[in-house]
Amino acid sequence: MPDLKSLAIYVLLAMTILLGVASCASTTMLKATRTALAVQNNAMKAQKEEAADRLRALNASVLAQQKQLDEHYLAGEKNDRTNLTKITTLQSDLRKLRVASQQLLDAAAAAGITGLGGGAQQGGASAGAVAGAENRAEAYRLVPAAPDQEADDDAFDADQINAAYASCRADALKLRLKK
């Protein structure tokens, strides 16, 4: 029978061989794991670079579109200011015309002038009428009498709303044509 010492040596030798094989297998597995991890890391790095490139491109696109929107907005604001200035100027001109025409009509009526249209002689009154009343009524149809301030302000507000609507409608039509 083999002695105990030899048996212990054989068992230790077998265990050493098993540990060596296991160590070799774990080293191989470790190398394979490191290789797989490196492949995954490289793939993630490439994916991150691709995502960063795409993000830069999308940000550039958004900035370009925002710049176009800002330019369009500023152009619209400039156009709206121009229209508001025109409306204000026209309102002022209309008030001046009303005042001037009223002064002319009052002066003509005070002087007793009738027939300003060339159909009657100056200085003579129409039969059964106050001097200049017929012409004054005719003149009022050409340039309306000055309305009160509130009506004038309402007309001004309506003109502003109309200009804003026209501006918005133009934008809406442009958008529809782009589609």
N, C-alpha and C. Protein backbone atom coordinates (compact mmCIF):
# COMPACT_ATOMS: atom_id res chain seq x y z
N MET A 1 0.81 -1.15 0.00
CA MET A 1 0.00 0.00 0.00
C MET A 1 0.88 1.23 0.00
N PRO A 2 0.43 2.15 -0.70
CA PRO A 2 1.29 3.33 -0.74
C PRO A 2 1.26 4.03 0.61
N ASP A 3 2.31 4.57 0.85
CA ASP A 3 2.37 5.24 2.14
C ASP A 3 1.64 6.58 2.08
N LEU A 4 1.41 7.06 3.21
CA LEU A 4 0.60 8.26 3.38
C LEU A 4 1.32 9.49 2.82
N LYS A 5 2.59 9.48 2.92
CA LYS A 5 3.37 10.60 2.44
C LYS A 5 3.28 10.67 0.93
N SER A 6 3.34 9.58 0.24
CA SER A 6 3.25 9.58 -1.21
C SER A 6 1.85 10.00 -1.64
N LEU A 7 0.89 9.53 -0.94
CA LEU A 7 -0.49 9.87 -1.26
C LEU A 7 -0.70 11.38 -1.11
N ALA A 8 -0.19 11.97 -0.09
CA ALA A 8 -0.33 13.40 0.13
C ALA A 8 0.37 14.18 -0.98
N ILE A 9 1.50 13.67 -1.42
CA ILE A 9 2.23 14.34 -2.50
C ILE A 9 1.40 14.25 -3.79
N TYR A 10 0.82 13.09 -4.06
CA TYR A 10 0.00 12.95 -5.27
C TYR A 10 -1.22 13.88 -5.22
N VAL A 11 -1.82 13.97 -4.09
CA VAL A 11 -3.00 14.85 -3.95
C VAL A 11 -2.58 16.31 -4.13
N LEU A 12 -1.50 16.69 -3.52
CA LEU A 12 -1.03 18.07 -3.66
C LEU A 12 -0.63 18.35 -5.11
N LEU A 13 -0.01 17.37 -5.75
CA LEU A 13 0.37 17.54 -7.15
C LEU A 13 -0.87 17.71 -8.02
N ALA A 14 -1.88 16.90 -7.77
CA ALA A 14 -3.13 16.99 -8.54
C ALA A 14 -3.80 18.34 -8.31
N MET A 15 -3.80 18.80 -7.08
CA MET A 15 -4.42 20.09 -6.77
C MET A 15 -3.64 21.23 -7.43
N THR A 16 -2.34 21.12 -7.47
CA THR A 16 -1.52 22.15 -8.11
C THR A 16 -1.82 22.20 -9.60
N ILE A 17 -1.93 21.01 -10.19
CA ILE A 17 -2.25 20.95 -11.62
C ILE A 17 -3.63 21.56 -11.86
N LEU A 18 -4.61 21.23 -11.03
CA LEU A 18 -5.96 21.78 -11.16
C LEU A 18 -5.95 23.30 -10.97
N LEU A 19 -5.21 23.77 -10.00
CA LEU A 19 -5.11 25.21 -9.80
C LEU A 19 -4.43 25.89 -10.98
N GLY A 20 -3.44 25.27 -11.53
CA GLY A 20 -2.76 25.82 -12.70
C GLY A 20 -3.68 25.91 -13.89
N VAL A 21 -4.45 24.82 -14.11
CA VAL A 21 -5.41 24.81 -15.23
C VAL A 21 -6.47 25.88 -14.98
N ALA A 22 -6.98 25.95 -13.74
CA ALA A 22 -8.00 26.94 -13.40
C ALA A 22 -7.46 28.35 -13.55
N SER A 23 -6.24 28.56 -13.14
CA SER A 23 -5.61 29.87 -13.27
C SER A 23 -5.44 30.24 -14.73
N CYS A 24 -5.04 29.29 -15.52
CA CYS A 24 -4.87 29.52 -16.96
C CYS A 24 -6.22 29.86 -17.59
N ALA A 25 -7.26 29.13 -17.19
CA ALA A 25 -8.60 29.36 -17.72
C ALA A 25 -9.11 30.74 -17.30
N SER A 26 -8.86 31.10 -16.05
CA SER A 26 -9.33 32.40 -15.59
C SER A 26 -8.54 33.53 -16.25
N THR A 27 -7.27 33.30 -16.51
CA THR A 27 -6.47 34.30 -17.23
C THR A 27 -6.99 34.47 -18.64
N THR A 28 -7.33 33.37 -19.29
CA THR A 28 -7.89 33.43 -20.63
C THR A 28 -9.24 34.15 -20.61
N MET A 29 -10.05 33.84 -19.59
CA MET A 29 -11.35 34.48 -19.46
C MET A 29 -11.19 35.97 -19.19
N LEU A 30 -10.20 36.31 -18.38
CA LEU A 30 -9.93 37.71 -18.07
C LEU A 30 -9.52 38.46 -19.33
N LYS A 31 -8.67 37.84 -20.14
CA LYS A 31 -8.24 38.46 -21.39
C LYS A 31 -9.43 38.64 -22.33
N ALA A 32 -10.28 37.64 -22.41
CA ALA A 32 -11.46 37.72 -23.27
C ALA A 32 -12.41 38.82 -22.77
N THR A 33 -12.56 38.92 -21.47
CA THR A 33 -13.43 39.95 -20.89
C THR A 33 -12.87 41.33 -21.17
N ARG A 34 -11.55 41.47 -21.01
CA ARG A 34 -10.93 42.77 -21.30
C ARG A 34 -11.07 43.14 -22.77
N THR A 35 -10.91 42.16 -23.65
CA THR A 35 -11.07 42.40 -25.08
C THR A 35 -12.51 42.83 -25.39
N ALA A 36 -13.48 42.11 -24.82
CA ALA A 36 -14.89 42.45 -25.04
C ALA A 36 -15.22 43.84 -24.49
N LEU A 37 -14.66 44.14 -23.34
CA LEU A 37 -14.88 45.45 -22.73
C LEU A 37 -14.27 46.55 -23.60
N ALA A 38 -13.09 46.30 -24.14
CA ALA A 38 -12.44 47.28 -25.02
C ALA A 38 -13.28 47.50 -26.28
N VAL A 39 -13.82 46.42 -26.83
CA VAL A 39 -14.67 46.54 -28.02
C VAL A 39 -15.91 47.37 -27.69
N GLN A 40 -16.53 47.10 -26.55
CA GLN A 40 -17.71 47.86 -26.14
C GLN A 40 -17.37 49.33 -25.89
N ASN A 41 -16.25 49.57 -25.25
CA ASN A 41 -15.83 50.95 -24.99
C ASN A 41 -15.58 51.70 -26.29
N ASN A 42 -14.94 51.05 -27.25
CA ASN A 42 -14.69 51.68 -28.55
C ASN A 42 -16.01 51.95 -29.28
N ALA A 43 -16.94 50.99 -29.18
CA ALA A 43 -18.24 51.18 -29.82
C ALA A 43 -18.98 52.35 -29.17
N MET A 44 -18.94 52.44 -27.84
CA MET A 44 -19.60 53.55 -27.14
C MET A 44 -18.93 54.88 -27.47
N LYS A 45 -17.61 54.86 -27.58
CA LYS A 45 -16.89 56.08 -27.92
C LYS A 45 -17.28 56.56 -29.32
N ALA A 46 -17.37 55.62 -30.27
CA ALA A 46 -17.79 55.97 -31.63
C ALA A 46 -19.24 56.48 -31.63
N GLN A 47 -20.08 55.84 -30.84
CA GLN A 47 -21.48 56.26 -30.75
C GLN A 47 -21.59 57.66 -30.14
N LYS A 48 -20.79 57.94 -29.11
CA LYS A 48 -20.78 59.27 -28.50
C LYS A 48 -20.31 60.33 -29.48
N GLU A 49 -19.27 60.00 -30.25
CA GLU A 49 -18.77 60.95 -31.25
C GLU A 49 -19.82 61.22 -32.32
N GLU A 50 -20.49 60.17 -32.75
CA GLU A 50 -21.56 60.33 -33.74
C GLU A 50 -22.70 61.18 -33.18
N ALA A 51 -23.07 60.92 -31.93
CA ALA A 51 -24.13 61.69 -31.29
C ALA A 51 -23.71 63.16 -31.12
N ALA A 52 -22.46 63.39 -30.77
CA ALA A 52 -21.97 64.76 -30.62
C ALA A 52 -21.98 65.49 -31.96
N ASP A 53 -21.56 64.79 -33.03
CA ASP A 53 -21.60 65.39 -34.37
C ASP A 53 -23.03 65.72 -34.78
N ARG A 54 -23.93 64.80 -34.51
CA ARG A 54 -25.34 65.02 -34.87
C ARG A 54 -25.92 66.17 -34.04
N LEU A 55 -25.57 66.24 -32.77
CA LEU A 55 -26.03 67.32 -31.91
C LEU A 55 -25.52 68.66 -32.41
N ARG A 56 -24.25 68.71 -32.82
CA ARG A 56 -23.70 69.96 -33.36
C ARG A 56 -24.44 70.36 -34.62
N ALA A 57 -24.72 69.40 -35.50
CA ALA A 57 -25.43 69.71 -36.74
C ALA A 57 -26.85 70.20 -36.45
N LEU A 58 -27.53 69.54 -35.52
CA LEU A 58 -28.89 69.97 -35.18
C LEU A 58 -28.90 71.33 -34.50
N ASN A 59 -27.92 71.58 -33.64
CA ASN A 59 -27.83 72.90 -33.00
C ASN A 59 -27.57 73.98 -34.04
N ALA A 60 -26.72 73.70 -35.00
CA ALA A 60 -26.45 74.67 -36.06
C ALA A 60 -27.72 74.93 -36.87
N SER A 61 -28.47 73.88 -37.15
CA SER A 61 -29.72 74.03 -37.88
C SER A 61 -30.73 74.86 -37.10
N VAL A 62 -30.84 74.57 -35.81
CA VAL A 62 -31.77 75.33 -34.96
C VAL A 62 -31.35 76.80 -34.90
N LEU A 63 -30.06 77.05 -34.76
CA LEU A 63 -29.59 78.43 -34.71
C LEU A 63 -29.86 79.16 -36.02
N ALA A 64 -29.67 78.47 -37.15
CA ALA A 64 -29.94 79.09 -38.44
C ALA A 64 -31.43 79.40 -38.58
N GLN A 65 -32.27 78.47 -38.17
CA GLN A 65 -33.71 78.70 -38.25
C GLN A 65 -34.13 79.83 -37.31
N GLN A 66 -33.54 79.88 -36.12
CA GLN A 66 -33.87 80.95 -35.17
C GLN A 66 -33.43 82.30 -35.74
N LYS A 67 -32.28 82.31 -36.41
CA LYS A 67 -31.80 83.55 -37.01
C LYS A 67 -32.78 84.02 -38.09
N GLN A 68 -33.28 83.09 -38.90
CA GLN A 68 -34.26 83.45 -39.92
C GLN A 68 -35.54 83.97 -39.28
N LEU A 69 -35.99 83.31 -38.22
CA LEU A 69 -37.19 83.77 -37.53
C LEU A 69 -36.99 85.17 -36.95
N ASP A 70 -35.82 85.39 -36.35
CA ASP A 70 -35.54 86.71 -35.78
C ASP A 70 -35.51 87.78 -36.86
N GLU A 71 -34.88 87.47 -37.99
CA GLU A 71 -34.84 88.43 -39.09
C GLU A 71 -36.24 88.72 -39.62
N HIS A 72 -37.03 87.67 -39.76
CA HIS A 72 -38.41 87.84 -40.23
C HIS A 72 -39.21 88.67 -39.23
N TYR A 73 -39.00 88.39 -37.94
CA TYR A 73 -39.71 89.14 -36.90
C TYR A 73 -39.33 90.62 -36.95
N LEU A 74 -38.03 90.90 -37.06
CA LEU A 74 -37.57 92.28 -37.10
C LEU A 74 -38.08 93.00 -38.35
N ALA A 75 -38.11 92.29 -39.48
CA ALA A 75 -38.64 92.89 -40.70
C ALA A 75 -40.13 93.20 -40.53
N GLY A 76 -40.85 92.28 -39.91
CA GLY A 76 -42.28 92.51 -39.67
C GLY A 76 -42.50 93.67 -38.72
N GLU A 77 -41.68 93.76 -37.68
CA GLU A 77 -41.80 94.88 -36.73
C GLU A 77 -41.51 96.20 -37.44
N LYS A 78 -40.50 96.21 -38.29
CA LYS A 78 -40.16 97.44 -39.03
C LYS A 78 -41.31 97.82 -39.94
N ASN A 79 -41.87 96.83 -40.62
CA ASN A 79 -43.00 97.08 -41.51
C ASN A 79 -44.20 97.60 -40.71
N ASP A 80 -44.45 97.01 -39.55
CA ASP A 80 -45.57 97.45 -38.71
C ASP A 80 -45.36 98.87 -38.22
N ARG A 81 -44.11 99.22 -37.84
CA ARG A 81 -43.84 100.60 -37.41
C ARG A 81 -44.06 101.57 -38.57
N THR A 82 -43.63 101.18 -39.77
CA THR A 82 -43.83 102.02 -40.94
C THR A 82 -45.32 102.23 -41.19
N ASN A 83 -46.09 101.15 -41.11
CA ASN A 83 -47.54 101.27 -41.33
C ASN A 83 -48.19 102.14 -40.26
N LEU A 84 -47.77 102.00 -39.02
CA LEU A 84 -48.33 102.82 -37.94
C LEU A 84 -47.99 104.28 -38.16
N THR A 85 -46.77 104.55 -38.61
CA THR A 85 -46.38 105.93 -38.91
C THR A 85 -47.24 106.50 -40.03
N LYS A 86 -47.50 105.69 -41.07
CA LYS A 86 -48.35 106.15 -42.17
C LYS A 86 -49.76 106.43 -41.68
N ILE A 87 -50.28 105.55 -40.84
CA ILE A 87 -51.63 105.74 -40.31
C ILE A 87 -51.70 107.03 -39.50
N THR A 88 -50.71 107.24 -38.66
CA THR A 88 -50.68 108.45 -37.83
C THR A 88 -50.59 109.70 -38.70
N THR A 89 -49.74 109.65 -39.72
CA THR A 89 -49.59 110.79 -40.64
C THR A 89 -50.89 111.06 -41.38
N LEU A 90 -51.52 110.02 -41.88
CA LEU A 90 -52.78 110.20 -42.61
C LEU A 90 -53.88 110.74 -41.69
N GLN A 91 -53.91 110.28 -40.46
CA GLN A 91 -54.91 110.78 -39.50
C GLN A 91 -54.67 112.28 -39.26
N SER A 92 -53.42 112.64 -39.07
CA SER A 92 -53.10 114.05 -38.85
C SER A 92 -53.46 114.89 -40.07
N ASP A 93 -53.13 114.39 -41.27
CA ASP A 93 -53.47 115.11 -42.50
C ASP A 93 -54.97 115.27 -42.65
N LEU A 94 -55.73 114.23 -42.31
CA LEU A 94 -57.19 114.31 -42.41
C LEU A 94 -57.74 115.35 -41.44
N ARG A 95 -57.22 115.41 -40.23
CA ARG A 95 -57.66 116.43 -39.27
C ARG A 95 -57.35 117.83 -39.78
N LYS A 96 -56.16 118.01 -40.35
CA LYS A 96 -55.78 119.33 -40.89
C LYS A 96 -56.71 119.72 -42.04
N LEU A 97 -57.02 118.74 -42.90
CA LEU A 97 -57.93 119.01 -44.02
C LEU A 97 -59.31 119.40 -43.51
N ARG A 98 -59.78 118.70 -42.50
CA ARG A 98 -61.10 119.03 -41.95
C ARG A 98 -61.13 120.45 -41.39
N VAL A 99 -60.09 120.80 -40.65
CA VAL A 99 -60.02 122.15 -40.07
C VAL A 99 -59.95 123.19 -41.17
N ALA A 100 -59.09 122.96 -42.17
CA ALA A 100 -58.93 123.93 -43.26
C ALA A 100 -60.23 124.07 -44.06
N SER A 101 -60.89 122.96 -44.36
CA SER A 101 -62.13 123.04 -45.14
C SER A 101 -63.22 123.73 -44.33
N GLN A 102 -63.26 123.49 -43.02
CA GLN A 102 -64.25 124.15 -42.16
C GLN A 102 -64.00 125.65 -42.14
N GLN A 103 -62.73 126.04 -42.05
CA GLN A 103 -62.40 127.46 -42.04
C GLN A 103 -62.79 128.11 -43.36
N LEU A 104 -62.53 127.43 -44.47
CA LEU A 104 -62.91 127.97 -45.79
C LEU A 104 -64.42 128.11 -45.91
N LEU A 105 -65.13 127.09 -45.48
CA LEU A 105 -66.59 127.14 -45.56
C LEU A 105 -67.16 128.23 -44.67
N ASP A 106 -66.60 128.37 -43.47
CA ASP A 106 -67.06 129.42 -42.56
C ASP A 106 -66.78 130.80 -43.14
N ALA A 107 -65.59 130.98 -43.72
CA ALA A 107 -65.23 132.27 -44.31
C ALA A 107 -66.13 132.58 -45.50
N ALA A 108 -66.41 131.57 -46.31
CA ALA A 108 -67.27 131.78 -47.48
C ALA A 108 -68.69 132.11 -47.04
N ALA A 109 -69.17 131.43 -46.01
CA ALA A 109 -70.52 131.70 -45.52
C ALA A 109 -70.59 133.08 -44.91
N ALA A 110 -69.53 133.51 -44.19
CA ALA A 110 -69.52 134.84 -43.58
C ALA A 110 -69.49 135.92 -44.64
N ALA A 111 -68.84 135.65 -45.76
CA ALA A 111 -68.76 136.63 -46.84
C ALA A 111 -70.00 136.59 -47.72
N GLY A 112 -70.86 135.60 -47.50
CA GLY A 112 -72.08 135.51 -48.29
C GLY A 112 -71.85 134.95 -49.67
N ILE A 113 -70.79 134.18 -49.83
CA ILE A 113 -70.47 133.62 -51.14
C ILE A 113 -71.32 132.38 -51.36
N THR A 114 -71.97 132.32 -52.49
CA THR A 114 -72.74 131.14 -52.86
C THR A 114 -72.34 130.74 -54.26
N GLY A 115 -72.71 129.54 -54.66
CA GLY A 115 -72.45 129.11 -56.04
C GLY A 115 -70.99 128.90 -56.33
N LEU A 116 -70.27 128.38 -55.38
CA LEU A 116 -68.84 128.17 -55.58
C LEU A 116 -68.57 127.17 -56.70
N GLY A 117 -69.56 126.43 -57.09
CA GLY A 117 -69.38 125.46 -58.16
C GLY A 117 -69.39 126.11 -59.53
N GLY A 118 -69.66 127.39 -59.63
CA GLY A 118 -69.63 128.09 -60.91
C GLY A 118 -71.01 128.23 -61.52
N GLY A 119 -72.02 127.66 -60.89
CA GLY A 119 -73.37 127.71 -61.45
C GLY A 119 -74.12 128.98 -61.10
N ALA A 120 -73.74 129.69 -60.06
CA ALA A 120 -74.44 130.91 -59.65
C ALA A 120 -73.43 132.02 -59.49
N GLN A 121 -73.94 133.21 -59.45
CA GLN A 121 -73.04 134.35 -59.30
C GLN A 121 -72.71 134.54 -57.84
N GLN A 122 -71.50 135.08 -57.62
CA GLN A 122 -71.11 135.33 -56.25
C GLN A 122 -71.88 136.50 -55.69
N GLY A 123 -72.12 136.43 -54.37
CA GLY A 123 -72.76 137.54 -53.70
C GLY A 123 -74.26 137.39 -53.61
N GLY A 124 -74.89 136.69 -54.51
CA GLY A 124 -76.35 136.55 -54.48
C GLY A 124 -76.75 135.33 -53.68
N ALA A 125 -77.86 135.44 -52.98
CA ALA A 125 -78.35 134.33 -52.18
C ALA A 125 -79.36 133.54 -52.98
N SER A 126 -79.45 132.28 -52.73
CA SER A 126 -80.43 131.44 -53.38
C SER A 126 -81.79 131.79 -52.83
N ALA A 127 -82.78 131.54 -53.60
CA ALA A 127 -84.14 131.85 -53.17
C ALA A 127 -84.53 130.95 -52.02
N GLY A 128 -84.93 131.54 -50.90
CA GLY A 128 -85.42 130.80 -49.75
C GLY A 128 -84.34 130.09 -48.95
N ALA A 129 -83.09 130.47 -49.11
CA ALA A 129 -82.02 129.80 -48.37
C ALA A 129 -81.06 130.82 -47.80
N VAL A 130 -80.39 130.43 -46.75
CA VAL A 130 -79.38 131.28 -46.15
C VAL A 130 -78.17 131.27 -47.08
N ALA A 131 -77.51 132.39 -47.17
CA ALA A 131 -76.37 132.50 -48.07
C ALA A 131 -75.33 131.43 -47.76
N GLY A 132 -74.95 130.64 -48.75
CA GLY A 132 -73.91 129.63 -48.60
C GLY A 132 -74.37 128.32 -48.02
N ALA A 133 -75.61 128.19 -47.57
CA ALA A 133 -76.07 126.96 -46.94
C ALA A 133 -76.08 125.81 -47.93
N GLU A 134 -76.51 126.10 -49.15
CA GLU A 134 -76.56 125.04 -50.17
C GLU A 134 -75.15 124.54 -50.50
N ASN A 135 -74.22 125.45 -50.65
CA ASN A 135 -72.85 125.09 -50.97
C ASN A 135 -72.17 124.38 -49.80
N ARG A 136 -72.52 124.84 -48.61
CA ARG A 136 -71.93 124.23 -47.43
C ARG A 136 -72.35 122.76 -47.34
N ALA A 137 -73.58 122.46 -47.56
CA ALA A 137 -74.06 121.07 -47.54
C ALA A 137 -73.36 120.26 -48.61
N GLU A 138 -73.18 120.88 -49.77
CA GLU A 138 -72.49 120.19 -50.86
C GLU A 138 -71.03 119.94 -50.49
N ALA A 139 -70.39 120.89 -49.85
CA ALA A 139 -68.99 120.75 -49.46
C ALA A 139 -68.83 119.70 -48.37
N TYR A 140 -69.78 119.60 -47.48
CA TYR A 140 -69.69 118.61 -46.42
C TYR A 140 -69.70 117.20 -46.97
N ARG A 141 -70.32 117.01 -48.10
CA ARG A 141 -70.31 115.67 -48.69
C ARG A 141 -68.92 115.32 -49.21
N LEU A 142 -68.15 116.32 -49.61
CA LEU A 142 -66.80 116.07 -50.12
C LEU A 142 -65.82 115.80 -48.99
N VAL A 143 -65.82 116.64 -47.97
CA VAL A 143 -64.96 116.47 -46.80
C VAL A 143 -65.89 116.46 -45.60
N PRO A 144 -66.04 115.32 -44.94
CA PRO A 144 -67.00 115.26 -43.82
C PRO A 144 -66.60 116.21 -42.70
N ALA A 145 -67.58 116.63 -41.96
CA ALA A 145 -67.33 117.51 -40.83
C ALA A 145 -66.45 116.78 -39.82
N ALA A 146 -65.70 117.54 -39.07
CA ALA A 146 -64.79 116.94 -38.10
C ALA A 146 -65.57 116.18 -37.04
N PRO A 147 -65.29 114.89 -36.88
CA PRO A 147 -66.00 114.14 -35.84
C PRO A 147 -65.40 114.48 -34.47
N ASP A 148 -66.06 114.02 -33.47
CA ASP A 148 -65.51 114.25 -32.14
C ASP A 148 -64.23 113.42 -31.96
N GLN A 149 -63.47 113.76 -30.96
CA GLN A 149 -62.17 113.12 -30.72
C GLN A 149 -62.30 111.62 -30.51
N GLU A 150 -63.35 111.19 -29.83
CA GLU A 150 -63.54 109.77 -29.54
C GLU A 150 -63.75 108.97 -30.83
N ALA A 151 -64.55 109.50 -31.75
CA ALA A 151 -64.77 108.81 -33.03
C ALA A 151 -63.47 108.76 -33.84
N ASP A 152 -62.71 109.85 -33.77
CA ASP A 152 -61.42 109.87 -34.47
C ASP A 152 -60.47 108.83 -33.90
N ASP A 153 -60.45 108.70 -32.57
CA ASP A 153 -59.59 107.70 -31.92
C ASP A 153 -60.05 106.29 -32.27
N ASP A 154 -61.36 106.08 -32.34
CA ASP A 154 -61.88 104.77 -32.73
C ASP A 154 -61.46 104.41 -34.15
N ALA A 155 -61.52 105.39 -35.03
CA ALA A 155 -61.09 105.15 -36.42
C ALA A 155 -59.60 104.83 -36.47
N PHE A 156 -58.82 105.54 -35.67
CA PHE A 156 -57.38 105.29 -35.60
C PHE A 156 -57.10 103.87 -35.09
N ASP A 157 -57.82 103.47 -34.04
CA ASP A 157 -57.67 102.11 -33.50
C ASP A 157 -58.06 101.07 -34.54
N ALA A 158 -59.13 101.33 -35.25
CA ALA A 158 -59.57 100.39 -36.29
C ALA A 158 -58.52 100.27 -37.39
N ASP A 159 -57.91 101.39 -37.75
CA ASP A 159 -56.85 101.34 -38.77
C ASP A 159 -55.64 100.55 -38.27
N GLN A 160 -55.31 100.69 -37.00
CA GLN A 160 -54.20 99.92 -36.43
C GLN A 160 -54.51 98.41 -36.45
N ILE A 161 -55.72 98.06 -36.08
CA ILE A 161 -56.12 96.65 -36.10
C ILE A 161 -56.09 96.11 -37.52
N ASN A 162 -56.56 96.91 -38.46
CA ASN A 162 -56.55 96.49 -39.86
C ASN A 162 -55.13 96.27 -40.36
N ALA A 163 -54.22 97.16 -39.99
CA ALA A 163 -52.81 97.01 -40.41
C ALA A 163 -52.20 95.75 -39.78
N ALA A 164 -52.50 95.50 -38.50
CA ALA A 164 -51.98 94.31 -37.84
C ALA A 164 -52.54 93.05 -38.48
N TYR A 165 -53.82 93.07 -38.82
CA TYR A 165 -54.44 91.91 -39.48
C TYR A 165 -53.78 91.67 -40.84
N ALA A 166 -53.57 92.74 -41.58
CA ALA A 166 -52.94 92.59 -42.91
C ALA A 166 -51.55 91.99 -42.78
N SER A 167 -50.82 92.42 -41.75
CA SER A 167 -49.47 91.88 -41.53
C SER A 167 -49.53 90.39 -41.19
N CYS A 168 -50.43 90.02 -40.30
CA CYS A 168 -50.57 88.60 -39.92
C CYS A 168 -51.05 87.76 -41.10
N ARG A 169 -51.95 88.30 -41.87
CA ARG A 169 -52.47 87.55 -43.02
C ARG A 169 -51.36 87.31 -44.04
N ALA A 170 -50.53 88.31 -44.25
CA ALA A 170 -49.41 88.14 -45.18
C ALA A 170 -48.48 87.02 -44.71
N ASP A 171 -48.20 87.00 -43.40
CA ASP A 171 -47.36 85.93 -42.85
C ASP A 171 -48.02 84.56 -43.04
N ALA A 172 -49.31 84.49 -42.77
CA ALA A 172 -50.03 83.21 -42.90
C ALA A 172 -50.02 82.73 -44.36
N LEU A 173 -50.19 83.64 -45.29
CA LEU A 173 -50.18 83.25 -46.70
C LEU A 173 -48.80 82.75 -47.12
N LYS A 174 -47.76 83.40 -46.62
CA LYS A 174 -46.40 82.95 -46.94
C LYS A 174 -46.18 81.53 -46.41
N LEU A 175 -46.64 81.27 -45.19
CA LEU A 175 -46.47 79.93 -44.61
C LEU A 175 -47.23 78.89 -45.41
N ARG A 176 -48.43 79.23 -45.86
CA ARG A 176 -49.23 78.27 -46.63
C ARG A 176 -48.57 77.97 -47.97
N LEU A 177 -47.95 78.99 -48.57
CA LEU A 177 -47.30 78.78 -49.86
C LEU A 177 -46.05 77.91 -49.74
N LYS A 178 -45.40 77.95 -48.57
CA LYS A 178 -44.19 77.14 -48.36
C LYS A 178 -44.53 75.66 -48.24
N LYS A 179 -45.73 75.33 -47.80
CA LYS A 179 -46.11 73.93 -47.62
C LYS A 179 -46.34 73.28 -48.91
